[in-house]
Amino acid sequence: MSGLSTPLNSKGLPGHVLIKTITFEEHDGKTKTTDTAHYQTIDDLDGMLQSGMEEGATETMDDLQSL
């Protein structure tokens, strides 16, 4: 398993920081990707969800899966 973890400033909520972790694991000849975001507060999470982040992230993962 390999991956990365980094603090990010949120584009949807300027001034708010989240910790983003992405891991990659080989499983039956394919790559399993796990993408996790940790927000400082529930309000930060709610703000990101209201910003449309969930739809954008889903679209990005769908695009990656089609490669």
N, C-alpha and C. Protein backbone atom coordinates (compact mmCIF):
# COMPACT_ATOMS: atom_id res chain seq x y z
N MET A 1 0.85 -1.17 0.00
CA MET A 1 0.00 0.00 0.00
C MET A 1 0.89 1.23 0.00
N SER A 2 0.51 2.22 -0.78
CA SER A 2 1.20 3.49 -0.76
C SER A 2 0.15 4.59 -0.75
N GLY A 3 0.58 5.79 -0.41
CA GLY A 3 -0.37 6.88 -0.38
C GLY A 3 0.27 8.17 0.04
N LEU A 4 -0.59 9.18 0.25
CA LEU A 4 -0.12 10.47 0.70
C LEU A 4 -1.17 11.11 1.58
N SER A 5 -0.70 12.01 2.44
CA SER A 5 -1.59 12.75 3.32
C SER A 5 -1.05 14.17 3.40
N THR A 6 -1.93 15.15 3.24
CA THR A 6 -1.50 16.54 3.23
C THR A 6 -2.61 17.47 3.70
N PRO A 7 -2.24 18.56 4.38
CA PRO A 7 -3.26 19.56 4.70
C PRO A 7 -3.56 20.40 3.46
N LEU A 8 -4.84 20.74 3.27
CA LEU A 8 -5.24 21.55 2.13
C LEU A 8 -6.11 22.70 2.59
N ASN A 9 -5.96 23.83 1.94
CA ASN A 9 -6.90 24.93 2.13
C ASN A 9 -8.06 24.69 1.19
N SER A 10 -9.24 24.73 1.73
CA SER A 10 -10.44 24.41 0.97
C SER A 10 -10.81 25.55 0.03
N LYS A 11 -11.02 25.25 -1.27
CA LYS A 11 -11.47 26.25 -2.23
C LYS A 11 -12.91 26.65 -1.95
N GLY A 12 -13.72 25.70 -1.49
CA GLY A 12 -15.13 25.98 -1.22
C GLY A 12 -15.34 26.81 0.02
N LEU A 13 -14.41 26.74 0.96
CA LEU A 13 -14.50 27.50 2.21
C LEU A 13 -13.14 28.13 2.51
N PRO A 14 -12.82 29.26 1.89
CA PRO A 14 -11.51 29.88 2.11
C PRO A 14 -11.22 30.08 3.60
N GLY A 15 -9.97 29.79 3.99
CA GLY A 15 -9.57 29.94 5.38
C GLY A 15 -9.80 28.69 6.23
N HIS A 16 -10.42 27.68 5.64
CA HIS A 16 -10.68 26.44 6.35
C HIS A 16 -9.74 25.35 5.82
N VAL A 17 -9.19 24.55 6.72
CA VAL A 17 -8.21 23.54 6.34
C VAL A 17 -8.80 22.15 6.56
N LEU A 18 -8.49 21.25 5.63
CA LEU A 18 -8.86 19.84 5.81
C LEU A 18 -7.61 19.00 5.58
N ILE A 19 -7.61 17.81 6.15
CA ILE A 19 -6.52 16.85 5.93
C ILE A 19 -7.01 15.83 4.93
N LYS A 20 -6.33 15.73 3.80
CA LYS A 20 -6.72 14.84 2.72
C LYS A 20 -5.73 13.68 2.66
N THR A 21 -6.25 12.45 2.67
CA THR A 21 -5.42 11.25 2.58
C THR A 21 -5.92 10.40 1.42
N ILE A 22 -5.01 10.01 0.56
CA ILE A 22 -5.33 9.12 -0.55
C ILE A 22 -4.38 7.93 -0.48
N THR A 23 -4.94 6.72 -0.47
CA THR A 23 -4.11 5.51 -0.47
C THR A 23 -4.41 4.69 -1.72
N PHE A 24 -3.40 3.94 -2.13
CA PHE A 24 -3.49 3.07 -3.31
C PHE A 24 -3.07 1.67 -2.90
N GLU A 25 -3.92 0.69 -3.20
CA GLU A 25 -3.62 -0.71 -2.87
C GLU A 25 -3.86 -1.58 -4.09
N GLU A 26 -2.95 -2.51 -4.34
CA GLU A 26 -3.14 -3.48 -5.41
C GLU A 26 -4.08 -4.56 -4.90
N HIS A 27 -5.09 -4.88 -5.71
CA HIS A 27 -6.07 -5.90 -5.32
C HIS A 27 -6.50 -6.63 -6.59
N ASP A 28 -6.10 -7.91 -6.70
CA ASP A 28 -6.45 -8.73 -7.86
C ASP A 28 -6.06 -8.08 -9.19
N GLY A 29 -4.85 -7.49 -9.23
CA GLY A 29 -4.36 -6.90 -10.46
C GLY A 29 -4.92 -5.52 -10.78
N LYS A 30 -5.71 -4.97 -9.89
CA LYS A 30 -6.27 -3.64 -10.09
C LYS A 30 -5.84 -2.76 -8.91
N THR A 31 -6.05 -1.48 -9.05
CA THR A 31 -5.70 -0.55 -7.98
C THR A 31 -6.95 -0.09 -7.25
N LYS A 32 -6.96 -0.29 -5.94
CA LYS A 32 -8.04 0.22 -5.10
C LYS A 32 -7.57 1.56 -4.52
N THR A 33 -8.37 2.60 -4.72
CA THR A 33 -8.04 3.93 -4.23
C THR A 33 -9.01 4.29 -3.11
N THR A 34 -8.47 4.74 -1.99
CA THR A 34 -9.29 5.22 -0.87
C THR A 34 -8.95 6.68 -0.65
N ASP A 35 -9.96 7.53 -0.69
CA ASP A 35 -9.79 8.98 -0.58
C ASP A 35 -10.56 9.45 0.65
N THR A 36 -9.85 9.99 1.63
CA THR A 36 -10.46 10.40 2.89
C THR A 36 -10.15 11.86 3.18
N ALA A 37 -11.15 12.60 3.64
CA ALA A 37 -10.96 14.00 4.02
C ALA A 37 -11.43 14.17 5.47
N HIS A 38 -10.58 14.80 6.29
CA HIS A 38 -10.92 15.09 7.68
C HIS A 38 -11.07 16.60 7.84
N TYR A 39 -12.25 17.02 8.24
CA TYR A 39 -12.55 18.44 8.42
C TYR A 39 -12.39 18.83 9.88
N GLN A 40 -12.08 20.11 10.11
CA GLN A 40 -11.88 20.59 11.48
C GLN A 40 -13.18 20.63 12.26
N THR A 41 -14.29 20.93 11.58
CA THR A 41 -15.58 21.02 12.26
C THR A 41 -16.68 20.43 11.39
N ILE A 42 -17.81 20.13 12.00
CA ILE A 42 -18.98 19.67 11.25
C ILE A 42 -19.46 20.78 10.31
N ASP A 43 -19.36 22.03 10.75
CA ASP A 43 -19.77 23.15 9.89
C ASP A 43 -18.92 23.21 8.63
N ASP A 44 -17.62 22.92 8.75
CA ASP A 44 -16.75 22.88 7.57
C ASP A 44 -17.19 21.78 6.61
N LEU A 45 -17.49 20.61 7.14
CA LEU A 45 -17.97 19.50 6.32
C LEU A 45 -19.28 19.87 5.63
N ASP A 46 -20.22 20.41 6.40
CA ASP A 46 -21.51 20.81 5.83
C ASP A 46 -21.33 21.86 4.73
N GLY A 47 -20.43 22.81 4.95
CA GLY A 47 -20.17 23.84 3.94
C GLY A 47 -19.63 23.25 2.65
N MET A 48 -18.73 22.28 2.77
CA MET A 48 -18.19 21.64 1.58
C MET A 48 -19.26 20.85 0.84
N LEU A 49 -20.10 20.15 1.57
CA LEU A 49 -21.18 19.40 0.92
C LEU A 49 -22.13 20.34 0.19
N GLN A 50 -22.42 21.49 0.78
CA GLN A 50 -23.31 22.47 0.15
C GLN A 50 -22.66 23.12 -1.06
N SER A 51 -21.33 23.11 -1.13
CA SER A 51 -20.63 23.75 -2.23
C SER A 51 -20.65 22.91 -3.51
N GLY A 52 -21.11 21.67 -3.43
CA GLY A 52 -21.11 20.79 -4.60
C GLY A 52 -19.88 19.90 -4.68
N MET A 53 -19.07 19.89 -3.63
CA MET A 53 -17.84 19.11 -3.62
C MET A 53 -18.10 17.62 -3.85
N GLU A 54 -19.16 17.11 -3.27
CA GLU A 54 -19.44 15.67 -3.39
C GLU A 54 -19.66 15.26 -4.84
N GLU A 55 -20.44 16.05 -5.58
CA GLU A 55 -20.68 15.73 -6.98
C GLU A 55 -19.40 15.83 -7.80
N GLY A 56 -18.59 16.84 -7.53
CA GLY A 56 -17.32 17.00 -8.24
C GLY A 56 -16.37 15.85 -7.97
N ALA A 57 -16.29 15.42 -6.72
CA ALA A 57 -15.41 14.31 -6.36
C ALA A 57 -15.88 13.01 -7.01
N THR A 58 -17.18 12.79 -7.03
CA THR A 58 -17.73 11.59 -7.66
C THR A 58 -17.43 11.58 -9.15
N GLU A 59 -17.59 12.72 -9.79
CA GLU A 59 -17.30 12.83 -11.23
C GLU A 59 -15.83 12.55 -11.51
N THR A 60 -14.94 13.08 -10.67
CA THR A 60 -13.51 12.85 -10.85
C THR A 60 -13.17 11.37 -10.70
N MET A 61 -13.72 10.71 -9.69
CA MET A 61 -13.44 9.28 -9.49
C MET A 61 -14.00 8.45 -10.64
N ASP A 62 -15.17 8.81 -11.15
CA ASP A 62 -15.73 8.11 -12.31
C ASP A 62 -14.82 8.26 -13.53
N ASP A 63 -14.29 9.48 -13.73
CA ASP A 63 -13.37 9.70 -14.85
C ASP A 63 -12.12 8.84 -14.72
N LEU A 64 -11.57 8.77 -13.50
CA LEU A 64 -10.37 7.96 -13.27
C LEU A 64 -10.64 6.48 -13.51
N GLN A 65 -11.82 6.03 -13.10
CA GLN A 65 -12.16 4.60 -13.25
C GLN A 65 -12.25 4.22 -14.73
N SER A 66 -12.63 5.16 -15.58
CA SER A 66 -12.79 4.85 -17.00
C SER A 66 -11.45 4.77 -17.75
N LEU A 67 -10.35 5.16 -17.10
CA LEU A 67 -9.04 5.12 -17.77
C LEU A 67 -8.52 3.71 -17.91
